[in-house]
Amino acid sequence: MSKIVSFRQMQHGTREDYLLLDESERRYAQSLADRVLESMQKLDHPLYGYRVTRLQHSLQAATRALRDGADEEMIFAALLHDIGDELAPYNHSEMAAAIVRPYVRPEVAWVVEHHGLFQNYYYVHHLGGDRYARDRFRDHPWYGTCVHFCAAWDQCSFDPDYRNESLEFFAPLVRRMFARTPHDPRYQVAPP
């Protein structure tokens, strides 16, 4: 039988209990890349009205970022930017940003978190919305990065004829990124 904590309420836990849990959670975190890749596979189902699946869209975005010479963090972001669609269809950007934030520089997490609003530029006016809502961030140092992310990689990645790389191709990158120490100061560069 495996070890378990002594408490029934966290306030009664001991140092030994929390050392045990810390070890357990660290081991569990080591399989994060596998769980994320499995979650990406779940995006490979048709969504009514679209020409491509969410997985195909994500692979196209990541492939475009790769071919555009983006750094690994941005390619990683392009791949995972819509991973929140399954469980958080109305705030998927925030969910995706929460997943990548511990492993990337703040700029990349900010772009993922805001890409949904910035992507609205391309369609929301057809539904009576304000396509310029993103402009409230016009003075933000990463505004241009998010505009580029959406223009060059996101909004154009719904093409069933685009030849993208596979999820298996990107799996080593996903594993490398999630093998980083979360919130490592080397990846947490402050805004310019």
N, C-alpha and C. Protein backbone atom coordinates (compact mmCIF):
# COMPACT_ATOMS: atom_id res chain seq x y z
N MET A 1 0.84 -1.18 0.00
CA MET A 1 0.00 0.00 0.00
C MET A 1 0.89 1.24 0.00
N SER A 2 0.51 2.24 -0.79
CA SER A 2 1.30 3.46 -0.85
C SER A 2 1.04 4.34 0.37
N LYS A 3 1.96 5.21 0.59
CA LYS A 3 1.83 6.13 1.71
C LYS A 3 0.69 7.12 1.44
N ILE A 4 0.04 7.51 2.50
CA ILE A 4 -0.97 8.57 2.40
C ILE A 4 -0.78 9.53 3.56
N VAL A 5 -1.34 10.69 3.43
CA VAL A 5 -1.20 11.71 4.47
C VAL A 5 -2.00 11.31 5.71
N SER A 6 -1.65 11.91 6.82
CA SER A 6 -2.30 11.61 8.09
C SER A 6 -3.55 12.45 8.33
N PHE A 7 -3.72 13.52 7.58
CA PHE A 7 -4.79 14.47 7.90
C PHE A 7 -6.08 14.23 7.13
N ARG A 8 -7.15 14.75 7.69
CA ARG A 8 -8.45 14.81 7.02
C ARG A 8 -8.82 16.25 6.71
N GLN A 9 -8.11 17.17 7.32
CA GLN A 9 -8.22 18.60 7.03
C GLN A 9 -6.79 19.12 6.86
N MET A 10 -6.58 19.93 5.87
CA MET A 10 -5.23 20.40 5.58
C MET A 10 -4.59 21.09 6.78
N GLN A 11 -5.37 21.76 7.57
CA GLN A 11 -4.82 22.47 8.73
C GLN A 11 -4.16 21.54 9.74
N HIS A 12 -4.44 20.25 9.67
CA HIS A 12 -3.86 19.29 10.61
C HIS A 12 -2.66 18.54 10.01
N GLY A 13 -2.25 18.93 8.80
CA GLY A 13 -1.13 18.26 8.15
C GLY A 13 0.19 18.54 8.83
N THR A 14 1.11 17.59 8.67
CA THR A 14 2.46 17.71 9.23
C THR A 14 3.45 18.00 8.11
N ARG A 15 4.66 18.34 8.52
CA ARG A 15 5.72 18.54 7.53
C ARG A 15 5.90 17.29 6.67
N GLU A 16 5.88 16.12 7.30
CA GLU A 16 6.04 14.86 6.57
C GLU A 16 4.92 14.67 5.56
N ASP A 17 3.70 15.03 5.94
CA ASP A 17 2.56 14.94 5.01
C ASP A 17 2.82 15.79 3.77
N TYR A 18 3.26 17.02 4.00
CA TYR A 18 3.43 17.92 2.87
C TYR A 18 4.67 17.61 2.04
N LEU A 19 5.68 17.02 2.63
CA LEU A 19 6.82 16.53 1.85
C LEU A 19 6.37 15.37 0.96
N LEU A 20 5.54 14.49 1.49
CA LEU A 20 5.00 13.37 0.70
C LEU A 20 4.18 13.91 -0.47
N LEU A 21 3.31 14.86 -0.21
CA LEU A 21 2.48 15.41 -1.27
C LEU A 21 3.30 16.17 -2.31
N ASP A 22 4.32 16.87 -1.86
CA ASP A 22 5.19 17.59 -2.79
C ASP A 22 5.86 16.61 -3.74
N GLU A 23 6.37 15.51 -3.20
CA GLU A 23 7.00 14.49 -4.03
C GLU A 23 6.00 13.91 -5.03
N SER A 24 4.81 13.60 -4.55
CA SER A 24 3.77 13.03 -5.40
C SER A 24 3.38 13.99 -6.52
N GLU A 25 3.20 15.25 -6.19
CA GLU A 25 2.81 16.23 -7.20
C GLU A 25 3.91 16.50 -8.21
N ARG A 26 5.16 16.44 -7.76
CA ARG A 26 6.27 16.61 -8.70
C ARG A 26 6.31 15.45 -9.70
N ARG A 27 6.09 14.23 -9.22
CA ARG A 27 6.04 13.09 -10.13
C ARG A 27 4.89 13.22 -11.12
N TYR A 28 3.75 13.65 -10.62
CA TYR A 28 2.58 13.84 -11.49
C TYR A 28 2.86 14.91 -12.55
N ALA A 29 3.51 15.99 -12.17
CA ALA A 29 3.81 17.08 -13.10
C ALA A 29 4.72 16.61 -14.22
N GLN A 30 5.53 15.59 -13.97
CA GLN A 30 6.44 15.09 -15.01
C GLN A 30 5.69 14.52 -16.21
N SER A 31 4.43 14.15 -16.04
CA SER A 31 3.65 13.61 -17.15
C SER A 31 2.74 14.66 -17.79
N LEU A 32 2.96 15.93 -17.45
CA LEU A 32 2.13 17.00 -18.00
C LEU A 32 2.17 17.03 -19.52
N ALA A 33 3.33 16.91 -20.12
CA ALA A 33 3.43 16.94 -21.58
C ALA A 33 2.56 15.86 -22.21
N ASP A 34 2.57 14.66 -21.64
CA ASP A 34 1.74 13.58 -22.18
C ASP A 34 0.26 13.92 -22.09
N ARG A 35 -0.15 14.49 -20.96
CA ARG A 35 -1.56 14.84 -20.79
C ARG A 35 -1.97 15.96 -21.75
N VAL A 36 -1.08 16.91 -21.97
CA VAL A 36 -1.38 18.00 -22.91
C VAL A 36 -1.48 17.45 -24.33
N LEU A 37 -0.57 16.58 -24.71
CA LEU A 37 -0.64 15.99 -26.05
C LEU A 37 -1.92 15.17 -26.23
N GLU A 38 -2.34 14.46 -25.19
CA GLU A 38 -3.62 13.74 -25.24
C GLU A 38 -4.78 14.71 -25.39
N SER A 39 -4.72 15.83 -24.69
CA SER A 39 -5.77 16.84 -24.81
C SER A 39 -5.81 17.45 -26.21
N MET A 40 -4.65 17.62 -26.80
CA MET A 40 -4.62 18.13 -28.18
C MET A 40 -5.30 17.15 -29.12
N GLN A 41 -5.09 15.86 -28.90
CA GLN A 41 -5.75 14.85 -29.74
C GLN A 41 -7.26 14.97 -29.67
N LYS A 42 -7.78 15.36 -28.51
CA LYS A 42 -9.23 15.50 -28.34
C LYS A 42 -9.80 16.64 -29.18
N LEU A 43 -8.94 17.51 -29.66
CA LEU A 43 -9.39 18.60 -30.53
C LEU A 43 -9.55 18.14 -31.98
N ASP A 44 -9.26 16.88 -32.24
CA ASP A 44 -9.33 16.37 -33.61
C ASP A 44 -10.71 15.79 -33.92
N HIS A 45 -11.71 16.58 -33.71
CA HIS A 45 -13.07 16.18 -34.08
C HIS A 45 -13.71 17.35 -34.81
N PRO A 46 -14.59 17.06 -35.73
CA PRO A 46 -15.22 18.15 -36.49
C PRO A 46 -16.02 19.07 -35.57
N LEU A 47 -15.92 20.34 -35.84
CA LEU A 47 -16.74 21.33 -35.17
C LEU A 47 -17.63 21.91 -36.25
N TYR A 48 -18.91 21.78 -36.06
CA TYR A 48 -19.88 22.14 -37.08
C TYR A 48 -19.56 23.48 -37.74
N GLY A 49 -19.49 23.46 -39.06
CA GLY A 49 -19.29 24.67 -39.84
C GLY A 49 -17.87 24.95 -40.26
N TYR A 50 -16.89 24.42 -39.57
CA TYR A 50 -15.49 24.67 -39.91
C TYR A 50 -14.98 23.67 -40.94
N ARG A 51 -14.01 24.08 -41.73
CA ARG A 51 -13.39 23.21 -42.74
C ARG A 51 -12.31 22.30 -42.14
N VAL A 52 -11.82 22.67 -40.95
CA VAL A 52 -10.76 21.89 -40.30
C VAL A 52 -11.15 21.65 -38.84
N THR A 53 -10.52 20.66 -38.23
CA THR A 53 -10.74 20.43 -36.80
C THR A 53 -9.91 21.45 -36.01
N ARG A 54 -10.17 21.55 -34.72
CA ARG A 54 -9.37 22.45 -33.87
C ARG A 54 -7.92 21.99 -33.83
N LEU A 55 -7.69 20.68 -33.87
CA LEU A 55 -6.31 20.18 -33.90
C LEU A 55 -5.63 20.61 -35.20
N GLN A 56 -6.31 20.43 -36.34
CA GLN A 56 -5.72 20.85 -37.61
C GLN A 56 -5.41 22.36 -37.59
N HIS A 57 -6.34 23.13 -37.05
CA HIS A 57 -6.12 24.58 -36.95
C HIS A 57 -4.88 24.87 -36.11
N SER A 58 -4.75 24.21 -34.97
CA SER A 58 -3.61 24.43 -34.08
C SER A 58 -2.31 24.02 -34.74
N LEU A 59 -2.31 22.90 -35.44
CA LEU A 59 -1.11 22.44 -36.14
C LEU A 59 -0.73 23.41 -37.25
N GLN A 60 -1.73 23.94 -37.96
CA GLN A 60 -1.44 24.92 -39.00
C GLN A 60 -0.82 26.18 -38.39
N ALA A 61 -1.39 26.65 -37.29
CA ALA A 61 -0.86 27.86 -36.65
C ALA A 61 0.58 27.65 -36.21
N ALA A 62 0.86 26.51 -35.58
CA ALA A 62 2.21 26.22 -35.13
C ALA A 62 3.18 26.07 -36.30
N THR A 63 2.72 25.42 -37.36
CA THR A 63 3.56 25.25 -38.55
C THR A 63 3.87 26.60 -39.18
N ARG A 64 2.88 27.46 -39.25
CA ARG A 64 3.11 28.80 -39.80
C ARG A 64 4.12 29.57 -38.94
N ALA A 65 3.98 29.45 -37.63
CA ALA A 65 4.94 30.13 -36.73
C ALA A 65 6.35 29.58 -36.95
N LEU A 66 6.46 28.26 -37.06
CA LEU A 66 7.75 27.62 -37.31
C LEU A 66 8.36 28.13 -38.62
N ARG A 67 7.58 28.10 -39.68
CA ARG A 67 8.07 28.51 -41.00
C ARG A 67 8.34 30.01 -41.08
N ASP A 68 7.74 30.75 -40.17
CA ASP A 68 7.95 32.20 -40.11
C ASP A 68 9.20 32.55 -39.29
N GLY A 69 9.86 31.53 -38.71
CA GLY A 69 11.07 31.77 -37.93
C GLY A 69 10.83 32.17 -36.50
N ALA A 70 9.63 31.89 -35.98
CA ALA A 70 9.33 32.23 -34.58
C ALA A 70 10.21 31.40 -33.64
N ASP A 71 10.40 31.91 -32.43
CA ASP A 71 11.17 31.15 -31.45
C ASP A 71 10.29 30.02 -30.88
N GLU A 72 10.94 29.11 -30.15
CA GLU A 72 10.23 27.92 -29.64
C GLU A 72 9.04 28.26 -28.77
N GLU A 73 9.15 29.31 -27.97
CA GLU A 73 8.04 29.66 -27.09
C GLU A 73 6.82 30.09 -27.89
N MET A 74 7.02 30.84 -28.95
CA MET A 74 5.90 31.28 -29.78
C MET A 74 5.31 30.11 -30.58
N ILE A 75 6.15 29.21 -31.04
CA ILE A 75 5.64 28.03 -31.74
C ILE A 75 4.80 27.19 -30.78
N PHE A 76 5.30 27.00 -29.59
CA PHE A 76 4.58 26.30 -28.51
C PHE A 76 3.24 26.98 -28.25
N ALA A 77 3.24 28.30 -28.17
CA ALA A 77 2.01 29.07 -27.95
C ALA A 77 1.04 28.90 -29.11
N ALA A 78 1.56 28.95 -30.33
CA ALA A 78 0.69 28.78 -31.49
C ALA A 78 0.04 27.40 -31.50
N LEU A 79 0.80 26.40 -31.07
CA LEU A 79 0.25 25.04 -31.01
C LEU A 79 -0.84 24.93 -29.95
N LEU A 80 -0.62 25.52 -28.79
CA LEU A 80 -1.54 25.33 -27.66
C LEU A 80 -2.55 26.45 -27.47
N HIS A 81 -2.58 27.43 -28.34
CA HIS A 81 -3.41 28.61 -28.10
C HIS A 81 -4.91 28.31 -27.96
N ASP A 82 -5.39 27.24 -28.56
CA ASP A 82 -6.82 26.91 -28.49
C ASP A 82 -7.10 25.66 -27.66
N ILE A 83 -6.14 25.20 -26.88
CA ILE A 83 -6.32 23.99 -26.09
C ILE A 83 -7.49 24.12 -25.10
N GLY A 84 -7.84 25.33 -24.74
CA GLY A 84 -8.94 25.55 -23.81
C GLY A 84 -10.31 25.39 -24.42
N ASP A 85 -10.41 25.24 -25.74
CA ASP A 85 -11.71 25.15 -26.41
C ASP A 85 -12.60 24.03 -25.88
N GLU A 86 -12.01 22.91 -25.51
CA GLU A 86 -12.80 21.76 -25.05
C GLU A 86 -13.59 22.06 -23.79
N LEU A 87 -12.95 22.70 -22.81
CA LEU A 87 -13.57 22.89 -21.51
C LEU A 87 -13.98 24.33 -21.22
N ALA A 88 -13.47 25.28 -21.99
CA ALA A 88 -13.76 26.69 -21.72
C ALA A 88 -14.02 27.42 -23.04
N PRO A 89 -15.09 27.09 -23.73
CA PRO A 89 -15.30 27.68 -25.05
C PRO A 89 -15.48 29.20 -25.05
N TYR A 90 -15.88 29.78 -23.93
CA TYR A 90 -16.10 31.22 -23.89
C TYR A 90 -14.95 31.98 -23.25
N ASN A 91 -13.96 31.28 -22.74
CA ASN A 91 -12.75 31.94 -22.23
C ASN A 91 -11.54 31.03 -22.45
N HIS A 92 -11.51 30.41 -23.61
CA HIS A 92 -10.43 29.47 -23.93
C HIS A 92 -9.06 30.12 -23.90
N SER A 93 -8.98 31.40 -24.25
CA SER A 93 -7.69 32.08 -24.27
C SER A 93 -7.07 32.12 -22.89
N GLU A 94 -7.89 32.45 -21.89
CA GLU A 94 -7.40 32.52 -20.52
C GLU A 94 -6.94 31.15 -20.02
N MET A 95 -7.70 30.12 -20.38
CA MET A 95 -7.33 28.77 -19.95
C MET A 95 -6.01 28.34 -20.59
N ALA A 96 -5.87 28.58 -21.88
CA ALA A 96 -4.62 28.22 -22.57
C ALA A 96 -3.45 28.99 -21.98
N ALA A 97 -3.65 30.27 -21.69
CA ALA A 97 -2.57 31.08 -21.09
C ALA A 97 -2.16 30.53 -19.73
N ALA A 98 -3.14 30.07 -18.95
CA ALA A 98 -2.82 29.51 -17.63
C ALA A 98 -1.96 28.26 -17.76
N ILE A 99 -2.17 27.50 -18.81
CA ILE A 99 -1.38 26.27 -19.02
C ILE A 99 0.05 26.60 -19.40
N VAL A 100 0.25 27.56 -20.30
CA VAL A 100 1.60 27.85 -20.79
C VAL A 100 2.38 28.82 -19.91
N ARG A 101 1.69 29.66 -19.14
CA ARG A 101 2.32 30.75 -18.39
C ARG A 101 3.54 30.34 -17.56
N PRO A 102 3.53 29.22 -16.83
CA PRO A 102 4.70 28.89 -16.01
C PRO A 102 5.96 28.54 -16.82
N TYR A 103 5.81 28.33 -18.13
CA TYR A 103 6.92 27.79 -18.92
C TYR A 103 7.44 28.75 -19.99
N VAL A 104 6.80 29.90 -20.12
CA VAL A 104 7.19 30.84 -21.18
C VAL A 104 7.37 32.24 -20.60
N ARG A 105 7.97 33.10 -21.38
CA ARG A 105 8.13 34.48 -20.94
C ARG A 105 6.76 35.16 -20.91
N PRO A 106 6.62 36.19 -20.10
CA PRO A 106 5.32 36.86 -19.94
C PRO A 106 4.71 37.33 -21.25
N GLU A 107 5.51 37.78 -22.19
CA GLU A 107 4.99 38.24 -23.48
C GLU A 107 4.18 37.15 -24.16
N VAL A 108 4.69 35.93 -24.17
CA VAL A 108 4.03 34.82 -24.84
C VAL A 108 2.71 34.48 -24.14
N ALA A 109 2.75 34.43 -22.82
CA ALA A 109 1.52 34.16 -22.07
C ALA A 109 0.48 35.25 -22.31
N TRP A 110 0.92 36.50 -22.37
CA TRP A 110 0.00 37.61 -22.63
C TRP A 110 -0.65 37.48 -24.00
N VAL A 111 0.13 37.12 -24.99
CA VAL A 111 -0.41 36.94 -26.35
C VAL A 111 -1.45 35.83 -26.36
N VAL A 112 -1.15 34.71 -25.73
CA VAL A 112 -2.13 33.61 -25.68
C VAL A 112 -3.39 34.07 -24.96
N GLU A 113 -3.22 34.75 -23.85
CA GLU A 113 -4.38 35.19 -23.06
C GLU A 113 -5.27 36.17 -23.83
N HIS A 114 -4.68 36.99 -24.69
CA HIS A 114 -5.44 38.03 -25.38
C HIS A 114 -5.77 37.69 -26.83
N HIS A 115 -5.31 36.56 -27.34
CA HIS A 115 -5.51 36.29 -28.76
C HIS A 115 -6.99 36.20 -29.13
N GLY A 116 -7.85 35.75 -28.22
CA GLY A 116 -9.28 35.66 -28.52
C GLY A 116 -9.86 37.03 -28.84
N LEU A 117 -9.55 38.02 -28.01
CA LEU A 117 -10.02 39.39 -28.25
C LEU A 117 -9.42 39.93 -29.55
N PHE A 118 -8.14 39.71 -29.77
CA PHE A 118 -7.47 40.23 -30.97
C PHE A 118 -7.98 39.53 -32.23
N GLN A 119 -8.35 38.26 -32.11
CA GLN A 119 -8.88 37.51 -33.24
C GLN A 119 -10.25 38.03 -33.65
N ASN A 120 -10.98 38.62 -32.70
CA ASN A 120 -12.30 39.19 -33.01
C ASN A 120 -12.23 40.20 -34.16
N TYR A 121 -11.11 40.83 -34.33
CA TYR A 121 -10.93 41.81 -35.39
C TYR A 121 -11.39 41.27 -36.74
N TYR A 122 -11.20 39.98 -36.96
CA TYR A 122 -11.46 39.39 -38.27
C TYR A 122 -12.92 39.03 -38.53
N TYR A 123 -13.74 39.00 -37.49
CA TYR A 123 -15.10 38.53 -37.75
C TYR A 123 -16.21 39.18 -36.92
N VAL A 124 -15.90 39.72 -35.77
CA VAL A 124 -16.96 40.11 -34.83
C VAL A 124 -17.87 41.22 -35.38
N HIS A 125 -17.36 42.04 -36.28
CA HIS A 125 -18.19 43.10 -36.87
C HIS A 125 -19.34 42.51 -37.70
N HIS A 126 -19.18 41.29 -38.21
CA HIS A 126 -20.26 40.63 -38.95
C HIS A 126 -21.41 40.24 -38.03
N LEU A 127 -21.12 40.19 -36.73
CA LEU A 127 -22.12 39.79 -35.75
C LEU A 127 -22.56 40.97 -34.88
N GLY A 128 -22.20 42.17 -35.29
CA GLY A 128 -22.59 43.38 -34.56
C GLY A 128 -21.63 43.79 -33.47
N GLY A 129 -20.48 43.13 -33.38
CA GLY A 129 -19.49 43.46 -32.36
C GLY A 129 -18.51 44.51 -32.83
N ASP A 130 -17.66 44.93 -31.92
CA ASP A 130 -16.65 45.96 -32.18
C ASP A 130 -15.32 45.30 -32.54
N ARG A 131 -14.98 45.32 -33.79
CA ARG A 131 -13.74 44.69 -34.23
C ARG A 131 -12.51 45.42 -33.71
N TYR A 132 -12.67 46.63 -33.26
CA TYR A 132 -11.54 47.43 -32.77
C TYR A 132 -11.41 47.38 -31.24
N ALA A 133 -12.09 46.45 -30.60
CA ALA A 133 -12.02 46.35 -29.13
C ALA A 133 -10.58 46.10 -28.67
N ARG A 134 -9.78 45.46 -29.49
CA ARG A 134 -8.39 45.20 -29.13
C ARG A 134 -7.58 46.49 -28.98
N ASP A 135 -8.06 47.56 -29.57
CA ASP A 135 -7.31 48.81 -29.54
C ASP A 135 -7.19 49.41 -28.16
N ARG A 136 -7.95 48.92 -27.20
CA ARG A 136 -7.77 49.41 -25.83
C ARG A 136 -6.38 49.03 -25.30
N PHE A 137 -5.74 48.08 -25.99
CA PHE A 137 -4.37 47.66 -25.63
C PHE A 137 -3.32 48.26 -26.56
N ARG A 138 -3.71 49.20 -27.40
CA ARG A 138 -2.80 49.76 -28.41
C ARG A 138 -1.47 50.22 -27.83
N ASP A 139 -1.47 50.74 -26.61
CA ASP A 139 -0.24 51.25 -25.99
C ASP A 139 0.52 50.17 -25.21
N HIS A 140 0.00 48.97 -25.19
CA HIS A 140 0.69 47.88 -24.48
C HIS A 140 1.91 47.45 -25.30
N PRO A 141 3.03 47.16 -24.64
CA PRO A 141 4.25 46.79 -25.38
C PRO A 141 4.11 45.53 -26.24
N TRP A 142 3.13 44.67 -25.95
CA TRP A 142 2.99 43.43 -26.71
C TRP A 142 1.80 43.43 -27.66
N TYR A 143 1.19 44.60 -27.84
CA TYR A 143 0.07 44.74 -28.76
C TYR A 143 0.46 44.24 -30.16
N GLY A 144 1.55 44.74 -30.69
CA GLY A 144 1.99 44.37 -32.03
C GLY A 144 2.29 42.89 -32.17
N THR A 145 2.84 42.29 -31.12
CA THR A 145 3.12 40.86 -31.15
C THR A 145 1.82 40.06 -31.27
N CYS A 146 0.80 40.48 -30.53
CA CYS A 146 -0.48 39.77 -30.58
C CYS A 146 -1.18 39.99 -31.93
N VAL A 147 -1.09 41.20 -32.47
CA VAL A 147 -1.64 41.46 -33.80
C VAL A 147 -0.98 40.53 -34.81
N HIS A 148 0.35 40.43 -34.75
CA HIS A 148 1.08 39.56 -35.68
C HIS A 148 0.69 38.09 -35.48
N PHE A 149 0.61 37.64 -34.24
CA PHE A 149 0.22 36.26 -33.93
C PHE A 149 -1.09 35.92 -34.62
N CYS A 150 -2.07 36.80 -34.46
CA CYS A 150 -3.39 36.53 -35.05
C CYS A 150 -3.37 36.65 -36.57
N ALA A 151 -2.71 37.68 -37.09
CA ALA A 151 -2.71 37.91 -38.54
C ALA A 151 -1.94 36.84 -39.30
N ALA A 152 -0.76 36.49 -38.80
CA ALA A 152 0.14 35.62 -39.55
C ALA A 152 -0.06 34.14 -39.27
N TRP A 153 -0.60 33.79 -38.09
CA TRP A 153 -0.65 32.38 -37.72
C TRP A 153 -2.04 31.88 -37.37
N ASP A 154 -2.87 32.71 -36.74
CA ASP A 154 -4.16 32.22 -36.23
C ASP A 154 -5.28 32.36 -37.25
N GLN A 155 -5.59 33.56 -37.70
CA GLN A 155 -6.75 33.77 -38.55
C GLN A 155 -6.66 33.08 -39.90
N CYS A 156 -5.48 32.77 -40.35
CA CYS A 156 -5.29 32.16 -41.67
C CYS A 156 -5.16 30.64 -41.61
N SER A 157 -5.36 30.05 -40.46
CA SER A 157 -5.11 28.61 -40.28
C SER A 157 -6.39 27.78 -40.23
N PHE A 158 -7.23 28.01 -41.22
CA PHE A 158 -8.47 27.24 -41.36
C PHE A 158 -8.55 26.64 -42.77
N ASP A 159 -7.40 26.34 -43.34
CA ASP A 159 -7.28 25.92 -44.73
C ASP A 159 -7.07 24.40 -44.81
N PRO A 160 -8.06 23.65 -45.30
CA PRO A 160 -7.91 22.20 -45.36
C PRO A 160 -6.80 21.74 -46.31
N ASP A 161 -6.32 22.63 -47.16
CA ASP A 161 -5.26 22.26 -48.11
C ASP A 161 -3.85 22.64 -47.64
N TYR A 162 -3.76 23.31 -46.49
CA TYR A 162 -2.45 23.71 -45.99
C TYR A 162 -1.70 22.48 -45.48
N ARG A 163 -0.45 22.35 -45.88
CA ARG A 163 0.38 21.20 -45.48
C ARG A 163 1.13 21.53 -44.19
N ASN A 164 0.55 21.10 -43.09
CA ASN A 164 1.14 21.39 -41.79
C ASN A 164 1.92 20.20 -41.26
N GLU A 165 2.74 20.47 -40.26
CA GLU A 165 3.44 19.41 -39.55
C GLU A 165 2.44 18.68 -38.65
N SER A 166 2.80 17.49 -38.22
CA SER A 166 1.93 16.66 -37.39
C SER A 166 2.12 16.96 -35.90
N LEU A 167 1.21 16.45 -35.09
CA LEU A 167 1.37 16.59 -33.64
C LEU A 167 2.61 15.84 -33.18
N GLU A 168 2.91 14.72 -33.80
CA GLU A 168 4.12 13.96 -33.46
C GLU A 168 5.38 14.79 -33.74
N PHE A 169 5.33 15.58 -34.79
CA PHE A 169 6.46 16.46 -35.11
C PHE A 169 6.70 17.46 -33.97
N PHE A 170 5.61 18.01 -33.41
CA PHE A 170 5.72 19.01 -32.36
C PHE A 170 5.88 18.42 -30.96
N ALA A 171 5.66 17.11 -30.82
CA ALA A 171 5.72 16.50 -29.48
C ALA A 171 7.06 16.75 -28.77
N PRO A 172 8.21 16.64 -29.43
CA PRO A 172 9.47 16.93 -28.71
C PRO A 172 9.53 18.36 -28.17
N LEU A 173 9.00 19.31 -28.91
CA LEU A 173 8.95 20.69 -28.43
C LEU A 173 8.07 20.79 -27.19
N VAL A 174 6.90 20.16 -27.24
CA VAL A 174 5.99 20.18 -26.09
C VAL A 174 6.69 19.57 -24.87
N ARG A 175 7.38 18.45 -25.07
CA ARG A 175 8.08 17.80 -23.96
C ARG A 175 9.20 18.69 -23.41
N ARG A 176 9.93 19.36 -24.31
CA ARG A 176 11.00 20.26 -23.88
C ARG A 176 10.46 21.43 -23.06
N MET A 177 9.37 21.99 -23.53
CA MET A 177 8.82 23.16 -22.84
C MET A 177 8.30 22.79 -21.46
N PHE A 178 7.60 21.66 -21.35
CA PHE A 178 7.06 21.26 -20.05
C PHE A 178 8.12 20.64 -19.15
N ALA A 179 9.31 20.38 -19.68
CA ALA A 179 10.41 19.91 -18.84
C ALA A 179 11.13 21.07 -18.16
N ARG A 180 10.82 22.28 -18.58
CA ARG A 180 11.42 23.46 -17.94
C ARG A 180 10.96 23.54 -16.49
N THR A 181 11.77 24.19 -15.69
CA THR A 181 11.37 24.47 -14.32
C THR A 181 10.30 25.55 -14.37
N PRO A 182 9.11 25.30 -13.83
CA PRO A 182 8.05 26.32 -13.88
C PRO A 182 8.50 27.63 -13.24
N HIS A 183 8.15 28.71 -13.89
CA HIS A 183 8.46 30.06 -13.41
C HIS A 183 9.96 30.31 -13.27
N ASP A 184 10.75 29.61 -14.06
CA ASP A 184 12.19 29.82 -14.05
C ASP A 184 12.48 31.27 -14.43
N PRO A 185 13.28 31.97 -13.63
CA PRO A 185 13.56 33.39 -13.93
C PRO A 185 14.16 33.61 -15.31
N ARG A 186 14.84 32.61 -15.88
CA ARG A 186 15.40 32.78 -17.22
C ARG A 186 14.32 32.98 -18.27
N TYR A 187 13.09 32.49 -18.02
CA TYR A 187 12.01 32.60 -18.99
C TYR A 187 11.03 33.70 -18.63
N GLN A 188 11.24 34.35 -17.53
CA GLN A 188 10.28 35.35 -17.04
C GLN A 188 10.83 36.75 -17.21
N VAL A 189 11.04 37.13 -18.43
CA VAL A 189 11.59 38.45 -18.77
C VAL A 189 10.47 39.49 -18.64
N ALA A 190 10.78 40.60 -18.00
CA ALA A 190 9.79 41.67 -17.83
C ALA A 190 9.53 42.37 -19.16
N PRO A 191 8.37 43.04 -19.26
CA PRO A 191 8.06 43.75 -20.52
C PRO A 191 9.07 44.87 -20.77
N PRO A 192 9.27 45.21 -22.05
CA PRO A 192 10.22 46.27 -22.41
C PRO A 192 9.78 47.62 -21.87
